[in-house]
N, C-alpha and C. Protein backbone atom coordinates (compact mmCIF):
# COMPACT_ATOMS: atom_id res chain seq x y z
N MET A 1 23.18 3.13 -21.99
CA MET A 1 22.76 3.68 -20.73
C MET A 1 21.95 4.80 -20.90
N ALA A 2 22.33 5.71 -21.82
CA ALA A 2 21.76 7.01 -22.09
C ALA A 2 20.35 6.73 -22.85
N SER A 3 20.26 5.67 -23.51
CA SER A 3 18.90 5.36 -24.08
C SER A 3 17.89 4.93 -23.06
N ASN A 4 18.42 4.20 -21.99
CA ASN A 4 17.45 3.86 -20.85
C ASN A 4 16.95 5.00 -20.18
N ILE A 5 17.84 6.09 -19.88
CA ILE A 5 17.41 7.28 -19.31
C ILE A 5 16.33 7.98 -20.03
N SER A 6 16.63 8.12 -21.42
CA SER A 6 15.65 8.78 -22.22
C SER A 6 14.25 8.13 -22.25
N SER A 7 14.33 6.72 -22.34
CA SER A 7 13.02 6.03 -22.35
C SER A 7 12.41 6.12 -21.14
N LEU A 8 13.05 6.23 -20.03
CA LEU A 8 12.51 6.42 -18.72
C LEU A 8 11.73 7.77 -18.56
N LYS A 9 12.46 8.73 -19.19
CA LYS A 9 11.78 10.21 -19.15
C LYS A 9 10.46 10.13 -19.97
N ASP A 10 10.40 9.35 -21.15
CA ASP A 10 9.24 9.33 -21.93
C ASP A 10 8.04 8.71 -21.12
N THR A 11 8.25 7.82 -20.17
CA THR A 11 7.17 7.08 -19.54
C THR A 11 6.66 7.92 -18.27
N CYS A 12 7.47 8.85 -17.82
CA CYS A 12 7.04 9.75 -16.74
C CYS A 12 6.08 10.74 -17.14
N PRO A 13 5.08 10.93 -16.25
CA PRO A 13 4.01 12.00 -16.60
C PRO A 13 4.65 13.36 -16.52
N THR A 14 4.19 14.30 -17.33
CA THR A 14 4.76 15.63 -17.25
C THR A 14 4.14 16.51 -16.23
N SER A 15 3.01 16.12 -15.63
CA SER A 15 2.48 16.94 -14.56
C SER A 15 2.24 15.93 -13.32
N ILE A 16 2.89 16.16 -12.34
CA ILE A 16 2.73 15.46 -11.10
C ILE A 16 2.16 16.45 -10.06
N GLN A 17 1.09 15.89 -9.41
CA GLN A 17 0.40 16.70 -8.41
C GLN A 17 1.31 16.79 -7.21
N SER A 18 1.30 18.03 -6.56
CA SER A 18 2.13 18.18 -5.21
C SER A 18 1.25 17.59 -4.16
N VAL A 19 1.86 17.04 -3.24
CA VAL A 19 1.37 16.48 -2.08
C VAL A 19 1.18 17.48 -0.91
N SER A 20 -0.10 17.59 -0.32
CA SER A 20 -0.22 18.58 0.66
C SER A 20 0.29 17.95 1.97
N MET A 21 0.50 18.97 3.03
CA MET A 21 1.09 18.54 4.31
C MET A 21 0.25 17.39 4.92
N ASN A 22 -1.05 17.53 4.79
CA ASN A 22 -1.95 16.37 5.44
C ASN A 22 -1.79 15.20 4.85
N GLU A 23 -1.74 15.15 3.46
CA GLU A 23 -1.50 13.78 2.82
C GLU A 23 0.01 13.43 2.99
N PHE A 24 0.99 14.24 3.12
CA PHE A 24 2.26 13.80 3.58
C PHE A 24 2.31 13.27 4.88
N ASP A 25 1.63 13.80 5.88
CA ASP A 25 1.44 13.34 7.19
C ASP A 25 0.97 11.86 7.28
N GLN A 26 -0.11 11.67 6.38
CA GLN A 26 -0.67 10.31 6.33
C GLN A 26 0.37 9.22 6.01
N VAL A 27 1.15 9.65 4.91
CA VAL A 27 2.19 8.77 4.37
C VAL A 27 3.20 8.52 5.46
N ILE A 28 3.59 9.45 6.06
CA ILE A 28 4.64 9.34 7.16
C ILE A 28 4.04 8.66 8.39
N SER A 29 2.89 8.77 8.79
CA SER A 29 2.23 8.09 9.84
C SER A 29 2.19 6.45 9.47
N ALA A 30 1.88 6.21 8.23
CA ALA A 30 1.91 4.86 7.82
C ALA A 30 3.26 4.19 7.72
N ILE A 31 4.35 4.90 7.44
CA ILE A 31 5.65 4.42 7.41
C ILE A 31 6.03 4.15 9.05
N LEU A 32 5.79 5.11 9.86
CA LEU A 32 6.17 5.06 11.15
C LEU A 32 5.44 3.82 11.88
N GLU A 33 4.22 3.49 11.52
CA GLU A 33 3.48 2.42 11.96
C GLU A 33 3.85 1.10 11.22
N GLY A 34 4.89 1.08 10.33
CA GLY A 34 5.38 -0.12 9.73
C GLY A 34 4.58 -0.64 8.52
N ARG A 35 3.57 0.17 8.22
CA ARG A 35 2.71 -0.15 6.96
C ARG A 35 3.24 0.44 5.76
N TYR A 36 4.28 -0.35 5.26
CA TYR A 36 5.04 0.30 4.17
C TYR A 36 4.31 0.17 2.80
N SER A 37 3.59 -0.84 2.63
CA SER A 37 2.83 -1.09 1.39
C SER A 37 1.69 -0.08 1.26
N TRP A 38 1.04 0.21 2.43
CA TRP A 38 -0.08 1.08 2.49
C TRP A 38 0.60 2.66 2.18
N ALA A 39 1.70 2.86 2.75
CA ALA A 39 2.30 4.14 2.41
C ALA A 39 2.62 4.29 0.99
N CYS A 40 2.98 3.16 0.28
CA CYS A 40 3.19 3.31 -1.14
C CYS A 40 1.89 3.62 -1.92
N VAL A 41 0.84 2.95 -1.50
CA VAL A 41 -0.41 3.18 -2.00
C VAL A 41 -0.87 4.67 -1.99
N LEU A 42 -0.64 5.19 -0.70
CA LEU A 42 -0.94 6.62 -0.43
C LEU A 42 -0.17 7.53 -1.24
N LEU A 43 1.20 7.28 -1.31
CA LEU A 43 2.01 8.19 -2.05
C LEU A 43 1.70 8.17 -3.42
N LEU A 44 1.47 7.05 -4.12
CA LEU A 44 1.02 6.88 -5.51
C LEU A 44 -0.27 7.70 -5.71
N TYR A 45 -1.26 7.43 -4.80
CA TYR A 45 -2.62 8.16 -4.99
C TYR A 45 -2.50 9.57 -4.88
N PHE A 46 -1.85 10.09 -3.87
CA PHE A 46 -1.63 11.49 -3.64
C PHE A 46 -0.88 12.24 -4.70
N SER A 47 0.02 11.54 -5.38
CA SER A 47 0.76 12.05 -6.42
C SER A 47 0.13 11.94 -7.75
N GLY A 48 -1.07 11.65 -7.75
CA GLY A 48 -1.97 11.57 -9.03
C GLY A 48 -1.80 10.30 -9.86
N TYR A 49 -1.26 9.27 -9.29
CA TYR A 49 -1.08 7.93 -10.02
C TYR A 49 -2.31 6.98 -9.52
N ASN A 50 -2.59 6.11 -10.26
CA ASN A 50 -3.54 4.98 -9.91
C ASN A 50 -2.75 3.87 -9.42
N PRO A 51 -2.73 3.65 -8.04
CA PRO A 51 -1.98 2.58 -7.34
C PRO A 51 -2.23 1.21 -8.02
N ALA A 52 -3.37 1.00 -8.65
CA ALA A 52 -3.69 -0.42 -9.07
C ALA A 52 -2.88 -0.69 -10.35
N GLN A 53 -2.24 0.34 -10.94
CA GLN A 53 -1.55 0.02 -12.13
C GLN A 53 0.01 -0.29 -11.74
N TYR A 54 0.29 -0.21 -10.48
CA TYR A 54 1.64 -0.42 -9.96
C TYR A 54 1.71 -1.52 -9.02
N ILE A 55 0.73 -1.90 -8.43
CA ILE A 55 0.70 -2.97 -7.27
C ILE A 55 -0.16 -4.04 -7.77
N PRO A 56 0.26 -5.26 -7.48
CA PRO A 56 -0.44 -6.52 -7.89
C PRO A 56 -1.98 -6.45 -7.29
N TYR A 57 -2.82 -6.79 -8.10
CA TYR A 57 -4.33 -6.71 -7.85
C TYR A 57 -4.64 -7.30 -6.45
N ARG A 58 -4.29 -8.50 -6.21
CA ARG A 58 -4.61 -9.16 -4.83
C ARG A 58 -3.94 -8.41 -3.70
N THR A 59 -2.86 -7.88 -3.89
CA THR A 59 -2.18 -7.16 -2.78
C THR A 59 -2.88 -5.75 -2.57
N TYR A 60 -3.15 -5.11 -3.60
CA TYR A 60 -3.94 -3.82 -3.69
C TYR A 60 -5.29 -4.05 -2.98
N ARG A 61 -6.06 -4.95 -3.33
CA ARG A 61 -7.40 -5.29 -2.77
C ARG A 61 -7.28 -5.53 -1.13
N ARG A 62 -6.19 -6.35 -0.85
CA ARG A 62 -6.11 -6.64 0.55
C ARG A 62 -5.74 -5.39 1.35
N LEU A 63 -4.90 -4.51 0.71
CA LEU A 63 -4.50 -3.36 1.45
C LEU A 63 -5.76 -2.33 1.68
N LEU A 64 -6.64 -2.32 0.64
CA LEU A 64 -7.87 -1.49 0.77
C LEU A 64 -8.67 -1.96 1.88
N LYS A 65 -8.84 -3.43 1.94
CA LYS A 65 -9.68 -3.94 2.99
C LYS A 65 -9.02 -3.72 4.40
N ARG A 66 -7.83 -3.92 4.42
CA ARG A 66 -7.12 -3.83 5.71
C ARG A 66 -7.12 -2.39 6.34
N ASN A 67 -7.09 -1.38 5.50
CA ASN A 67 -6.95 -0.06 5.99
C ASN A 67 -8.21 0.69 5.72
N ASP A 68 -9.26 0.05 5.98
CA ASP A 68 -10.73 0.54 5.99
C ASP A 68 -10.76 2.13 5.76
N ILE A 69 -10.74 2.45 4.52
CA ILE A 69 -10.72 3.83 4.12
C ILE A 69 -11.88 4.61 4.64
N CYS A 70 -11.62 5.69 5.42
CA CYS A 70 -12.73 6.57 5.92
C CYS A 70 -13.27 7.52 4.91
N ASP A 71 -12.45 8.11 4.00
CA ASP A 71 -12.92 9.01 3.14
C ASP A 71 -13.58 8.34 1.87
N PRO A 72 -14.93 8.59 1.68
CA PRO A 72 -15.66 7.94 0.63
C PRO A 72 -15.10 8.21 -0.71
N LYS A 73 -14.71 9.42 -0.88
CA LYS A 73 -14.23 9.89 -2.19
C LYS A 73 -12.97 9.07 -2.51
N MET A 74 -11.99 9.05 -1.62
CA MET A 74 -10.81 8.32 -1.89
C MET A 74 -11.05 6.73 -1.97
N LYS A 75 -11.96 6.31 -1.26
CA LYS A 75 -12.37 4.77 -1.33
C LYS A 75 -12.87 4.62 -2.77
N ASP A 76 -13.75 5.36 -3.22
CA ASP A 76 -14.26 5.17 -4.63
C ASP A 76 -13.16 5.25 -5.76
N GLU A 77 -12.32 6.28 -5.46
CA GLU A 77 -11.24 6.46 -6.44
C GLU A 77 -10.20 5.50 -6.33
N LEU A 78 -9.79 4.97 -5.22
CA LEU A 78 -8.79 3.94 -5.14
C LEU A 78 -9.23 2.66 -5.62
N GLN A 79 -10.61 2.42 -5.48
CA GLN A 79 -11.14 1.03 -5.93
C GLN A 79 -11.36 0.84 -7.50
N GLN A 80 -11.25 2.06 -8.14
CA GLN A 80 -11.45 1.92 -9.57
C GLN A 80 -10.28 1.39 -10.29
């Protein structure tokens, strides 16, 4: 059991970006609207992770299309 925890610590990044209040509000809004998968994408993105590494490709692409991203920078970064 202890070896599982230590291996989990090894895979976690040492620096995680903090999420601003505006970004947090976007995640909460998605949750309140019942868009849980999109909330996961936003949380991963705002935390400094690449959502495409954690979500199946087809699901990820569908979420990007359904949530017509307004911010061009975010759209470019999320689609990479």
